[in-house]
Amino acid sequence: MADVMKATSTRKSWRTTFAPPDPQPTTRHCDHPGCPHDAEYRAPQARDRLNDYYWFCLDHVRQYNLAWNYYAGMGPEEIEAETRKDATWQRPTWPLGMQGNKRHFTFTIHDPFDVLDKEAEERHAKARAPATPEEEAMKVLDLTGPLTHEILRARYKLLVKRHHPDTNNGDKGAEERFKRINQAYNTLKSSLASGQMDSD
């Protein structure tokens, strides 16, 4: 029994024979100039290099995060486009039933009451019908009927305040929207005054 105990106690572990040694932890220093602390936190280097990182200590990563602005240098239209792409995780999208705007899906839906066909026909009929100047103006001002002078004035004041070039640092896009808003307002104002539109 003593011989058996002696044999088992002198046997080497499999780790010392076959397993590679545990890797030694590497220390990384903070990328902030002159900082002697170890870096434990990473931060993206730029908007177009989100997978390239700076490494900071806790204090300096907090400073970096406070100063970070992903949308710096973008105009309002670029910011809106970027946030819309974020809704689909920056992946391309296309209407349901199409793939890359090239191929329609081949499956069909069982529709014994022709509900979907009627809806499609109504949509096509509306798309083919030319819009009147009043309908176009209502779209520009994002209004739905019935329309009154009070509703029109309130909506006009809100949009003018939001899109006036002076409040948008002279942005050309805001200037064009401001012109369309004024034209739409004048169109609807004239139509209401002449009784062409139902104001009830």
N, C-alpha and C. Protein backbone atom coordinates (compact mmCIF):
# COMPACT_ATOMS: atom_id res chain seq x y z
N MET A 1 0.83 -1.20 0.00
CA MET A 1 0.00 0.00 0.00
C MET A 1 0.86 1.25 0.00
N ALA A 2 1.97 1.18 0.75
CA ALA A 2 2.89 2.33 0.81
C ALA A 2 3.51 2.57 -0.55
N ASP A 3 3.82 1.47 -1.30
CA ASP A 3 4.40 1.62 -2.64
C ASP A 3 3.42 2.29 -3.59
N VAL A 4 2.15 1.94 -3.50
CA VAL A 4 1.13 2.55 -4.35
C VAL A 4 1.02 4.04 -4.06
N MET A 5 1.01 4.41 -2.79
CA MET A 5 0.91 5.82 -2.40
C MET A 5 2.12 6.58 -2.91
N LYS A 6 3.28 5.97 -2.83
CA LYS A 6 4.50 6.64 -3.27
C LYS A 6 4.46 6.87 -4.77
N ALA A 7 3.97 5.89 -5.53
CA ALA A 7 3.91 6.00 -6.99
C ALA A 7 2.94 7.10 -7.41
N THR A 8 1.81 7.19 -6.75
CA THR A 8 0.83 8.20 -7.13
C THR A 8 1.29 9.59 -6.73
N SER A 9 2.03 9.71 -5.68
CA SER A 9 2.45 11.04 -5.23
C SER A 9 3.57 11.60 -6.09
N THR A 10 4.34 10.77 -6.75
CA THR A 10 5.44 11.26 -7.58
C THR A 10 5.04 11.44 -9.04
N ARG A 11 3.81 11.05 -9.42
CA ARG A 11 3.38 11.18 -10.81
C ARG A 11 3.20 12.66 -11.16
N LYS A 12 3.64 13.08 -12.36
CA LYS A 12 3.56 14.47 -12.78
C LYS A 12 2.15 14.80 -13.25
N SER A 13 1.79 16.05 -13.10
CA SER A 13 0.50 16.52 -13.59
C SER A 13 0.54 16.57 -15.12
N TRP A 14 -0.59 16.31 -15.77
CA TRP A 14 -0.64 16.37 -17.24
C TRP A 14 -0.38 17.78 -17.74
N ARG A 15 -0.71 18.80 -16.90
CA ARG A 15 -0.52 20.19 -17.33
C ARG A 15 0.96 20.50 -17.51
N THR A 16 1.82 19.94 -16.65
CA THR A 16 3.25 20.24 -16.77
C THR A 16 3.85 19.59 -18.00
N THR A 17 3.20 18.55 -18.53
CA THR A 17 3.74 17.83 -19.68
C THR A 17 3.16 18.31 -20.99
N PHE A 18 1.82 18.52 -21.05
CA PHE A 18 1.15 18.77 -22.32
C PHE A 18 0.63 20.19 -22.49
N ALA A 19 0.16 20.81 -21.43
CA ALA A 19 -0.49 22.12 -21.58
C ALA A 19 0.55 23.23 -21.69
N PRO A 20 0.30 24.21 -22.57
CA PRO A 20 1.23 25.35 -22.65
C PRO A 20 1.12 26.19 -21.39
N PRO A 21 2.15 26.92 -21.08
CA PRO A 21 2.09 27.74 -19.86
C PRO A 21 1.04 28.85 -20.00
N ASP A 22 0.45 29.24 -18.88
CA ASP A 22 -0.55 30.31 -18.90
C ASP A 22 0.09 31.60 -19.40
N PRO A 23 -0.61 32.31 -20.30
CA PRO A 23 -0.02 33.56 -20.80
C PRO A 23 0.09 34.59 -19.69
N GLN A 24 1.19 35.31 -19.72
CA GLN A 24 1.39 36.34 -18.72
C GLN A 24 0.56 37.58 -19.10
N PRO A 25 -0.14 38.16 -18.16
CA PRO A 25 -0.93 39.36 -18.50
C PRO A 25 -0.03 40.51 -18.93
N THR A 26 -0.45 41.17 -20.01
CA THR A 26 0.33 42.30 -20.51
C THR A 26 -0.30 43.58 -19.99
N THR A 27 0.51 44.50 -19.59
CA THR A 27 0.00 45.79 -19.12
C THR A 27 0.10 46.79 -20.24
N ARG A 28 -0.93 47.58 -20.37
CA ARG A 28 -1.00 48.61 -21.40
C ARG A 28 -1.06 49.96 -20.69
N HIS A 29 -0.28 50.91 -21.17
CA HIS A 29 -0.26 52.22 -20.53
C HIS A 29 -1.28 53.14 -21.19
N CYS A 30 -1.78 54.07 -20.43
CA CYS A 30 -2.78 55.03 -20.90
C CYS A 30 -2.22 55.84 -22.07
N ASP A 31 -3.05 56.01 -23.12
CA ASP A 31 -2.63 56.75 -24.31
C ASP A 31 -2.64 58.26 -24.12
N HIS A 32 -3.15 58.73 -22.99
CA HIS A 32 -3.12 60.17 -22.76
C HIS A 32 -1.68 60.60 -22.50
N PRO A 33 -1.20 61.66 -23.16
CA PRO A 33 0.21 62.05 -23.01
C PRO A 33 0.57 62.31 -21.54
N GLY A 34 1.66 61.66 -21.13
CA GLY A 34 2.19 61.89 -19.78
C GLY A 34 1.50 61.13 -18.68
N CYS A 35 0.51 60.30 -19.00
CA CYS A 35 -0.20 59.56 -17.95
C CYS A 35 0.54 58.25 -17.65
N PRO A 36 0.92 58.02 -16.40
CA PRO A 36 1.67 56.79 -16.07
C PRO A 36 0.77 55.60 -15.71
N HIS A 37 -0.53 55.78 -15.66
CA HIS A 37 -1.42 54.72 -15.19
C HIS A 37 -1.65 53.66 -16.26
N ASP A 38 -2.09 52.49 -15.80
CA ASP A 38 -2.44 51.41 -16.72
C ASP A 38 -3.76 51.73 -17.42
N ALA A 39 -3.85 51.28 -18.68
CA ALA A 39 -5.05 51.52 -19.47
C ALA A 39 -5.94 50.29 -19.42
N GLU A 40 -7.18 50.49 -18.99
CA GLU A 40 -8.13 49.38 -18.92
C GLU A 40 -9.36 49.62 -19.78
N TYR A 41 -9.50 50.83 -20.34
CA TYR A 41 -10.73 51.18 -21.05
C TYR A 41 -10.38 51.66 -22.46
N ARG A 42 -11.15 51.19 -23.42
CA ARG A 42 -10.88 51.58 -24.80
C ARG A 42 -11.94 52.56 -25.29
N ALA A 43 -11.55 53.36 -26.28
CA ALA A 43 -12.46 54.34 -26.87
C ALA A 43 -12.14 54.45 -28.35
N PRO A 44 -13.16 54.56 -29.22
CA PRO A 44 -12.90 54.63 -30.67
C PRO A 44 -12.11 55.88 -31.03
N GLN A 45 -11.25 55.74 -32.04
CA GLN A 45 -10.38 56.85 -32.41
C GLN A 45 -11.12 57.92 -33.20
N ALA A 46 -12.06 57.53 -34.07
CA ALA A 46 -12.77 58.51 -34.90
C ALA A 46 -14.06 57.87 -35.40
N ARG A 47 -14.93 58.71 -35.95
CA ARG A 47 -16.22 58.23 -36.46
C ARG A 47 -16.03 57.21 -37.57
N ASP A 48 -15.01 57.41 -38.43
CA ASP A 48 -14.79 56.48 -39.54
C ASP A 48 -13.82 55.36 -39.18
N ARG A 49 -13.38 55.31 -37.90
CA ARG A 49 -12.49 54.23 -37.46
C ARG A 49 -12.98 53.72 -36.10
N LEU A 50 -14.19 53.20 -36.08
CA LEU A 50 -14.80 52.79 -34.82
C LEU A 50 -14.18 51.52 -34.26
N ASN A 51 -13.43 50.78 -35.06
CA ASN A 51 -12.78 49.56 -34.58
C ASN A 51 -11.31 49.77 -34.24
N ASP A 52 -10.83 51.00 -34.37
CA ASP A 52 -9.48 51.36 -33.92
C ASP A 52 -9.63 52.13 -32.62
N TYR A 53 -8.87 51.75 -31.61
CA TYR A 53 -9.13 52.27 -30.27
C TYR A 53 -7.93 52.98 -29.66
N TYR A 54 -8.24 53.97 -28.83
CA TYR A 54 -7.30 54.48 -27.84
C TYR A 54 -7.57 53.70 -26.56
N TRP A 55 -6.53 53.58 -25.74
CA TRP A 55 -6.69 52.93 -24.44
C TRP A 55 -6.36 53.94 -23.35
N PHE A 56 -7.28 54.05 -22.38
CA PHE A 56 -7.14 55.07 -21.34
C PHE A 56 -7.34 54.46 -19.96
N CYS A 57 -6.85 55.19 -18.99
CA CYS A 57 -7.22 54.90 -17.60
C CYS A 57 -8.63 55.45 -17.36
N LEU A 58 -9.17 55.21 -16.18
CA LEU A 58 -10.56 55.58 -15.92
C LEU A 58 -10.77 57.09 -16.03
N ASP A 59 -9.89 57.88 -15.45
CA ASP A 59 -10.05 59.34 -15.48
C ASP A 59 -10.01 59.88 -16.90
N HIS A 60 -9.08 59.38 -17.70
CA HIS A 60 -8.93 59.93 -19.05
C HIS A 60 -9.98 59.40 -20.03
N VAL A 61 -10.51 58.21 -19.80
CA VAL A 61 -11.60 57.75 -20.68
C VAL A 61 -12.87 58.55 -20.39
N ARG A 62 -13.04 58.97 -19.13
CA ARG A 62 -14.19 59.83 -18.81
C ARG A 62 -14.06 61.18 -19.51
N GLN A 63 -12.86 61.75 -19.50
CA GLN A 63 -12.64 63.03 -20.20
C GLN A 63 -12.88 62.87 -21.70
N TYR A 64 -12.39 61.77 -22.27
CA TYR A 64 -12.56 61.53 -23.71
C TYR A 64 -14.04 61.39 -24.06
N ASN A 65 -14.78 60.66 -23.22
CA ASN A 65 -16.21 60.46 -23.49
C ASN A 65 -16.99 61.76 -23.42
N LEU A 66 -16.61 62.65 -22.50
CA LEU A 66 -17.31 63.94 -22.39
C LEU A 66 -17.10 64.79 -23.64
N ALA A 67 -15.91 64.67 -24.26
CA ALA A 67 -15.61 65.49 -25.44
C ALA A 67 -16.03 64.83 -26.74
N TRP A 68 -16.41 63.56 -26.71
CA TRP A 68 -16.73 62.81 -27.93
C TRP A 68 -18.07 63.25 -28.50
N ASN A 69 -18.07 63.55 -29.80
CA ASN A 69 -19.31 63.91 -30.50
C ASN A 69 -19.30 63.21 -31.85
N TYR A 70 -20.06 62.15 -31.97
CA TYR A 70 -20.08 61.36 -33.20
C TYR A 70 -20.52 62.19 -34.40
N TYR A 71 -21.42 63.16 -34.18
CA TYR A 71 -22.00 63.92 -35.28
C TYR A 71 -21.26 65.21 -35.58
N ALA A 72 -20.09 65.42 -34.98
CA ALA A 72 -19.33 66.65 -35.22
C ALA A 72 -19.00 66.79 -36.70
N GLY A 73 -19.25 67.98 -37.26
CA GLY A 73 -18.94 68.24 -38.66
C GLY A 73 -20.03 67.84 -39.63
N MET A 74 -21.13 67.26 -39.16
CA MET A 74 -22.23 66.86 -40.04
C MET A 74 -23.29 67.96 -40.09
N GLY A 75 -23.95 68.08 -41.24
CA GLY A 75 -25.08 68.98 -41.37
C GLY A 75 -26.36 68.30 -40.92
N PRO A 76 -27.46 69.06 -40.81
CA PRO A 76 -28.72 68.46 -40.34
C PRO A 76 -29.19 67.29 -41.20
N GLU A 77 -29.05 67.41 -42.54
CA GLU A 77 -29.49 66.31 -43.41
C GLU A 77 -28.64 65.07 -43.21
N GLU A 78 -27.32 65.26 -43.03
CA GLU A 78 -26.43 64.11 -42.81
C GLU A 78 -26.75 63.43 -41.48
N ILE A 79 -27.04 64.23 -40.46
CA ILE A 79 -27.36 63.65 -39.15
C ILE A 79 -28.66 62.84 -39.24
N GLU A 80 -29.66 63.40 -39.94
CA GLU A 80 -30.93 62.67 -40.09
C GLU A 80 -30.73 61.37 -40.85
N ALA A 81 -29.92 61.42 -41.94
CA ALA A 81 -29.66 60.19 -42.71
C ALA A 81 -28.93 59.16 -41.85
N GLU A 82 -28.00 59.62 -41.02
CA GLU A 82 -27.25 58.70 -40.18
C GLU A 82 -28.14 58.04 -39.13
N THR A 83 -29.04 58.82 -38.53
CA THR A 83 -29.93 58.24 -37.52
C THR A 83 -30.94 57.28 -38.16
N ARG A 84 -31.36 57.56 -39.40
CA ARG A 84 -32.24 56.63 -40.09
C ARG A 84 -31.53 55.31 -40.38
N LYS A 85 -30.24 55.39 -40.77
CA LYS A 85 -29.48 54.16 -41.01
C LYS A 85 -29.26 53.39 -39.71
N ASP A 86 -29.13 54.11 -38.59
CA ASP A 86 -28.96 53.43 -37.31
C ASP A 86 -30.17 52.58 -36.95
N ALA A 87 -31.35 52.98 -37.43
CA ALA A 87 -32.56 52.22 -37.12
C ALA A 87 -32.51 50.82 -37.71
N THR A 88 -31.71 50.62 -38.77
CA THR A 88 -31.56 49.29 -39.39
C THR A 88 -30.12 48.79 -39.25
N TRP A 89 -29.43 49.26 -38.22
CA TRP A 89 -28.07 48.82 -37.93
C TRP A 89 -27.13 49.04 -39.11
N GLN A 90 -27.30 50.16 -39.82
CA GLN A 90 -26.43 50.55 -40.93
C GLN A 90 -26.49 49.55 -42.09
N ARG A 91 -27.58 48.80 -42.20
CA ARG A 91 -27.71 47.82 -43.29
C ARG A 91 -28.68 48.34 -44.34
N PRO A 92 -28.49 47.98 -45.60
CA PRO A 92 -29.41 48.45 -46.66
C PRO A 92 -30.79 47.84 -46.48
N THR A 93 -31.81 48.59 -46.86
CA THR A 93 -33.19 48.11 -46.77
C THR A 93 -33.89 48.33 -48.10
N TRP A 94 -35.01 47.65 -48.29
CA TRP A 94 -35.83 47.83 -49.49
C TRP A 94 -37.27 47.47 -49.12
N PRO A 95 -38.23 47.88 -49.93
CA PRO A 95 -39.63 47.61 -49.60
C PRO A 95 -39.91 46.12 -49.48
N LEU A 96 -40.89 45.78 -48.64
CA LEU A 96 -41.29 44.39 -48.47
C LEU A 96 -41.77 43.82 -49.80
N GLY A 97 -41.28 42.62 -50.11
CA GLY A 97 -41.64 42.00 -51.38
C GLY A 97 -40.62 42.22 -52.47
N MET A 98 -39.58 43.04 -52.19
CA MET A 98 -38.53 43.29 -53.17
C MET A 98 -37.20 42.93 -52.52
N GLN A 99 -36.25 42.55 -53.33
CA GLN A 99 -34.91 42.28 -52.82
C GLN A 99 -33.94 43.12 -53.62
N GLY A 100 -33.39 44.12 -52.96
CA GLY A 100 -32.44 44.99 -53.65
C GLY A 100 -33.06 45.73 -54.81
N ASN A 101 -34.39 45.95 -54.80
CA ASN A 101 -35.11 46.62 -55.88
C ASN A 101 -34.95 45.91 -57.22
N LYS A 102 -34.61 44.63 -57.20
CA LYS A 102 -34.39 43.90 -58.44
C LYS A 102 -35.36 42.74 -58.62
N ARG A 103 -35.60 41.98 -57.55
CA ARG A 103 -36.35 40.75 -57.70
C ARG A 103 -37.56 40.74 -56.79
N HIS A 104 -38.73 40.46 -57.34
CA HIS A 104 -39.94 40.29 -56.54
C HIS A 104 -39.96 38.87 -55.98
N PHE A 105 -40.48 38.73 -54.77
CA PHE A 105 -40.68 37.40 -54.23
C PHE A 105 -41.77 36.69 -55.05
N THR A 106 -41.64 35.38 -55.14
CA THR A 106 -42.55 34.62 -55.99
C THR A 106 -43.73 34.03 -55.24
N PHE A 107 -43.74 34.13 -53.90
CA PHE A 107 -44.84 33.51 -53.18
C PHE A 107 -46.11 34.35 -53.32
N THR A 108 -47.25 33.71 -53.14
CA THR A 108 -48.54 34.40 -53.22
C THR A 108 -49.27 34.23 -51.89
N ILE A 109 -50.19 35.13 -51.65
CA ILE A 109 -50.98 35.10 -50.42
C ILE A 109 -52.41 34.72 -50.78
N HIS A 110 -52.96 33.78 -50.03
CA HIS A 110 -54.34 33.37 -50.25
C HIS A 110 -55.25 34.49 -49.75
N ASP A 111 -55.98 35.13 -50.67
CA ASP A 111 -56.82 36.28 -50.34
C ASP A 111 -58.19 36.09 -50.98
N PRO A 112 -59.06 35.23 -50.39
CA PRO A 112 -60.34 34.90 -51.04
C PRO A 112 -61.29 36.08 -51.16
N PHE A 113 -61.14 37.12 -50.32
CA PHE A 113 -62.05 38.26 -50.37
C PHE A 113 -61.47 39.45 -51.12
N ASP A 114 -60.31 39.27 -51.75
CA ASP A 114 -59.66 40.32 -52.54
C ASP A 114 -59.44 41.60 -51.74
N VAL A 115 -59.15 41.47 -50.47
CA VAL A 115 -58.91 42.65 -49.63
C VAL A 115 -57.64 43.37 -50.07
N LEU A 116 -56.58 42.60 -50.26
CA LEU A 116 -55.30 43.21 -50.60
C LEU A 116 -55.34 43.84 -51.99
N ASP A 117 -56.03 43.19 -52.94
CA ASP A 117 -56.11 43.74 -54.29
C ASP A 117 -56.85 45.08 -54.29
N LYS A 118 -57.92 45.18 -53.50
CA LYS A 118 -58.68 46.43 -53.45
C LYS A 118 -57.84 47.55 -52.87
N GLU A 119 -57.09 47.22 -51.80
CA GLU A 119 -56.23 48.25 -51.21
C GLU A 119 -55.17 48.70 -52.20
N ALA A 120 -54.60 47.76 -52.94
CA ALA A 120 -53.58 48.12 -53.92
C ALA A 120 -54.17 48.99 -55.03
N GLU A 121 -55.38 48.63 -55.49
CA GLU A 121 -56.02 49.45 -56.53
C GLU A 121 -56.29 50.86 -56.05
N GLU A 122 -56.73 50.99 -54.79
CA GLU A 122 -57.00 52.33 -54.24
C GLU A 122 -55.71 53.14 -54.15
N ARG A 123 -54.63 52.49 -53.73
CA ARG A 123 -53.35 53.20 -53.64
C ARG A 123 -52.89 53.66 -55.01
N HIS A 124 -53.01 52.79 -56.02
CA HIS A 124 -52.59 53.15 -57.37
C HIS A 124 -53.44 54.28 -57.93
N ALA A 125 -54.74 54.24 -57.64
CA ALA A 125 -55.63 55.29 -58.13
C ALA A 125 -55.26 56.63 -57.52
N LYS A 126 -54.95 56.63 -56.21
CA LYS A 126 -54.54 57.88 -55.57
C LYS A 126 -53.21 58.37 -56.12
N ALA A 127 -52.31 57.44 -56.40
CA ALA A 127 -50.99 57.84 -56.91
C ALA A 127 -51.11 58.43 -58.32
N ARG A 128 -52.06 57.89 -59.12
CA ARG A 128 -52.21 58.39 -60.49
C ARG A 128 -52.92 59.73 -60.54
N ALA A 129 -53.79 59.99 -59.57
CA ALA A 129 -54.57 61.24 -59.61
C ALA A 129 -53.65 62.42 -59.33
N PRO A 130 -53.67 63.44 -60.21
CA PRO A 130 -52.81 64.60 -59.96
C PRO A 130 -53.28 65.37 -58.73
N ALA A 131 -52.35 65.77 -57.91
CA ALA A 131 -52.69 66.50 -56.69
C ALA A 131 -53.00 67.96 -57.03
N THR A 132 -53.98 68.51 -56.36
CA THR A 132 -54.31 69.92 -56.55
C THR A 132 -53.28 70.77 -55.80
N PRO A 133 -53.18 72.05 -56.14
CA PRO A 133 -52.25 72.92 -55.39
C PRO A 133 -52.55 72.93 -53.89
N GLU A 134 -53.85 72.86 -53.54
CA GLU A 134 -54.21 72.84 -52.14
C GLU A 134 -53.72 71.56 -51.44
N GLU A 135 -53.85 70.41 -52.13
CA GLU A 135 -53.37 69.15 -51.55
C GLU A 135 -51.86 69.17 -51.35
N GLU A 136 -51.15 69.71 -52.35
CA GLU A 136 -49.70 69.83 -52.23
C GLU A 136 -49.33 70.73 -51.06
N ALA A 137 -50.05 71.84 -50.91
CA ALA A 137 -49.77 72.78 -49.82
C ALA A 137 -50.05 72.14 -48.47
N MET A 138 -51.12 71.34 -48.38
CA MET A 138 -51.42 70.64 -47.13
C MET A 138 -50.31 69.67 -46.75
N LYS A 139 -49.73 69.00 -47.78
CA LYS A 139 -48.62 68.09 -47.51
C LYS A 139 -47.41 68.84 -47.00
N VAL A 140 -47.10 69.98 -47.63
CA VAL A 140 -45.94 70.76 -47.21
C VAL A 140 -46.07 71.19 -45.76
N LEU A 141 -47.26 71.62 -45.38
CA LEU A 141 -47.48 72.08 -44.00
C LEU A 141 -47.86 70.94 -43.06
N ASP A 142 -47.94 69.72 -43.59
CA ASP A 142 -48.28 68.54 -42.80
C ASP A 142 -49.61 68.73 -42.07
N LEU A 143 -50.62 69.10 -42.85
CA LEU A 143 -51.95 69.35 -42.31
C LEU A 143 -52.95 68.35 -42.88
N THR A 144 -54.00 68.09 -42.14
CA THR A 144 -55.12 67.30 -42.62
C THR A 144 -56.39 68.09 -42.36
N GLY A 145 -57.39 67.87 -43.21
CA GLY A 145 -58.63 68.63 -43.06
C GLY A 145 -59.46 68.17 -41.89
N PRO A 146 -60.48 68.91 -41.54
CA PRO A 146 -60.86 70.21 -42.11
C PRO A 146 -59.90 71.31 -41.66
N LEU A 147 -59.80 72.35 -42.47
CA LEU A 147 -58.84 73.42 -42.22
C LEU A 147 -59.57 74.72 -41.92
N THR A 148 -59.07 75.44 -40.92
CA THR A 148 -59.60 76.77 -40.59
C THR A 148 -58.45 77.77 -40.63
N HIS A 149 -58.81 79.06 -40.64
CA HIS A 149 -57.78 80.11 -40.62
C HIS A 149 -56.92 80.00 -39.37
N GLU A 150 -57.52 79.67 -38.24
CA GLU A 150 -56.78 79.58 -36.98
C GLU A 150 -55.77 78.43 -37.03
N ILE A 151 -56.20 77.28 -37.52
CA ILE A 151 -55.30 76.12 -37.63
C ILE A 151 -54.15 76.44 -38.58
N LEU A 152 -54.49 77.07 -39.71
CA LEU A 152 -53.46 77.41 -40.70
C LEU A 152 -52.44 78.38 -40.12
N ARG A 153 -52.90 79.42 -39.44
CA ARG A 153 -51.98 80.41 -38.87
C ARG A 153 -51.08 79.79 -37.80
N ALA A 154 -51.67 78.94 -36.94
CA ALA A 154 -50.89 78.31 -35.87
C ALA A 154 -49.80 77.41 -36.44
N ARG A 155 -50.17 76.63 -37.46
CA ARG A 155 -49.18 75.73 -38.08
C ARG A 155 -48.08 76.52 -38.79
N TYR A 156 -48.48 77.59 -39.46
CA TYR A 156 -47.52 78.43 -40.19
C TYR A 156 -46.52 79.06 -39.22
N LYS A 157 -46.98 79.58 -38.10
CA LYS A 157 -46.09 80.20 -37.13
C LYS A 157 -45.08 79.19 -36.58
N LEU A 158 -45.57 77.98 -36.31
CA LEU A 158 -44.69 76.94 -35.78
C LEU A 158 -43.59 76.57 -36.77
N LEU A 159 -43.97 76.37 -38.05
CA LEU A 159 -43.00 75.95 -39.05
C LEU A 159 -42.02 77.08 -39.40
N VAL A 160 -42.51 78.32 -39.44
CA VAL A 160 -41.62 79.45 -39.72
C VAL A 160 -40.57 79.59 -38.63
N LYS A 161 -41.01 79.43 -37.40
CA LYS A 161 -40.07 79.53 -36.29
C LYS A 161 -39.01 78.43 -36.36
N ARG A 162 -39.43 77.23 -36.79
CA ARG A 162 -38.51 76.09 -36.83
C ARG A 162 -37.56 76.16 -38.02
N HIS A 163 -38.03 76.64 -39.18
CA HIS A 163 -37.23 76.55 -40.41
C HIS A 163 -36.70 77.90 -40.91
N HIS A 164 -36.86 78.96 -40.15
CA HIS A 164 -36.35 80.26 -40.60
C HIS A 164 -34.83 80.18 -40.76
N PRO A 165 -34.29 80.72 -41.88
CA PRO A 165 -32.83 80.64 -42.11
C PRO A 165 -32.00 81.24 -40.97
N ASP A 166 -32.52 82.26 -40.30
CA ASP A 166 -31.75 82.87 -39.21
C ASP A 166 -31.57 81.93 -38.03
N THR A 167 -32.53 81.04 -37.80
CA THR A 167 -32.40 80.09 -36.70
C THR A 167 -31.65 78.83 -37.12
N ASN A 168 -31.31 78.72 -38.41
CA ASN A 168 -30.56 77.55 -38.90
C ASN A 168 -29.21 77.95 -39.48
N ASN A 169 -28.67 79.06 -39.01
CA ASN A 169 -27.34 79.53 -39.42
C ASN A 169 -27.21 79.65 -40.94
N GLY A 170 -28.25 80.12 -41.59
CA GLY A 170 -28.19 80.34 -43.03
C GLY A 170 -28.13 79.08 -43.86
N ASP A 171 -28.60 77.95 -43.31
CA ASP A 171 -28.55 76.67 -44.03
C ASP A 171 -29.42 76.75 -45.29
N LYS A 172 -28.85 76.34 -46.44
CA LYS A 172 -29.57 76.42 -47.72
C LYS A 172 -30.81 75.53 -47.73
N GLY A 173 -30.70 74.35 -47.13
CA GLY A 173 -31.86 73.46 -47.08
C GLY A 173 -33.00 74.09 -46.30
N ALA A 174 -32.67 74.74 -45.18
CA ALA A 174 -33.70 75.41 -44.38
C ALA A 174 -34.32 76.56 -45.17
N GLU A 175 -33.49 77.25 -45.95
CA GLU A 175 -34.00 78.36 -46.76
C GLU A 175 -35.00 77.87 -47.79
N GLU A 176 -34.70 76.73 -48.45
CA GLU A 176 -35.63 76.17 -49.44
C GLU A 176 -36.93 75.72 -48.78
N ARG A 177 -36.83 75.08 -47.61
CA ARG A 177 -38.04 74.66 -46.89
C ARG A 177 -38.87 75.88 -46.49
N PHE A 178 -38.19 76.94 -46.08
CA PHE A 178 -38.88 78.16 -45.67
C PHE A 178 -39.68 78.74 -46.85
N LYS A 179 -39.08 78.71 -48.05
CA LYS A 179 -39.79 79.21 -49.24
C LYS A 179 -41.02 78.37 -49.54
N ARG A 180 -40.89 77.04 -49.47
CA ARG A 180 -42.02 76.16 -49.74
C ARG A 180 -43.14 76.36 -48.71
N ILE A 181 -42.76 76.59 -47.47
CA ILE A 181 -43.75 76.82 -46.42
C ILE A 181 -44.54 78.10 -46.71
N ASN A 182 -43.82 79.16 -47.11
CA ASN A 182 -44.50 80.43 -47.42
C ASN A 182 -45.46 80.28 -48.60
N GLN A 183 -44.99 79.56 -49.66
CA GLN A 183 -45.85 79.36 -50.83
C GLN A 183 -47.09 78.56 -50.45
N ALA A 184 -46.90 77.51 -49.66
CA ALA A 184 -48.03 76.67 -49.26
C ALA A 184 -49.01 77.47 -48.40
N TYR A 185 -48.49 78.29 -47.50
CA TYR A 185 -49.35 79.10 -46.63
C TYR A 185 -50.19 80.07 -47.48
N ASN A 186 -49.55 80.73 -48.44
CA ASN A 186 -50.28 81.69 -49.28
C ASN A 186 -51.35 81.00 -50.12
N THR A 187 -51.03 79.80 -50.63
CA THR A 187 -52.01 79.04 -51.42
C THR A 187 -53.24 78.71 -50.59
N LEU A 188 -53.03 78.18 -49.39
CA LEU A 188 -54.16 77.79 -48.55
C LEU A 188 -54.93 79.01 -48.02
N LYS A 189 -54.19 80.06 -47.72
CA LYS A 189 -54.85 81.28 -47.24
C LYS A 189 -55.80 81.84 -48.31
N SER A 190 -55.32 81.86 -49.57
CA SER A 190 -56.15 82.36 -50.67
C SER A 190 -57.36 81.46 -50.89
N SER A 191 -57.14 80.15 -50.83
CA SER A 191 -58.25 79.20 -51.05
C SER A 191 -59.31 79.32 -49.96
N LEU A 192 -58.88 79.50 -48.72
CA LEU A 192 -59.83 79.67 -47.63
C LEU A 192 -60.61 80.99 -47.79
N ALA A 193 -59.90 82.03 -48.19
CA ALA A 193 -60.55 83.33 -48.35
C ALA A 193 -61.58 83.32 -49.47
N SER A 194 -61.27 82.59 -50.55
CA SER A 194 -62.18 82.56 -51.71
C SER A 194 -63.27 81.50 -51.56
N GLY A 195 -63.20 80.68 -50.51
CA GLY A 195 -64.22 79.66 -50.29
C GLY A 195 -64.01 78.40 -51.09
N GLN A 196 -62.82 78.25 -51.74
CA GLN A 196 -62.57 77.03 -52.53
C GLN A 196 -62.38 75.82 -51.63
N MET A 197 -61.95 76.04 -50.38
CA MET A 197 -61.75 74.93 -49.45
C MET A 197 -62.82 74.99 -48.38
N ASP A 198 -63.24 73.82 -47.95
CA ASP A 198 -64.25 73.72 -46.89
C ASP A 198 -63.56 73.95 -45.56
N SER A 199 -63.92 75.00 -44.86
CA SER A 199 -63.28 75.33 -43.58
C SER A 199 -64.08 74.86 -42.38
N ASP A 200 -65.10 74.04 -42.61
CA ASP A 200 -65.90 73.56 -41.49
C ASP A 200 -65.17 72.48 -40.73
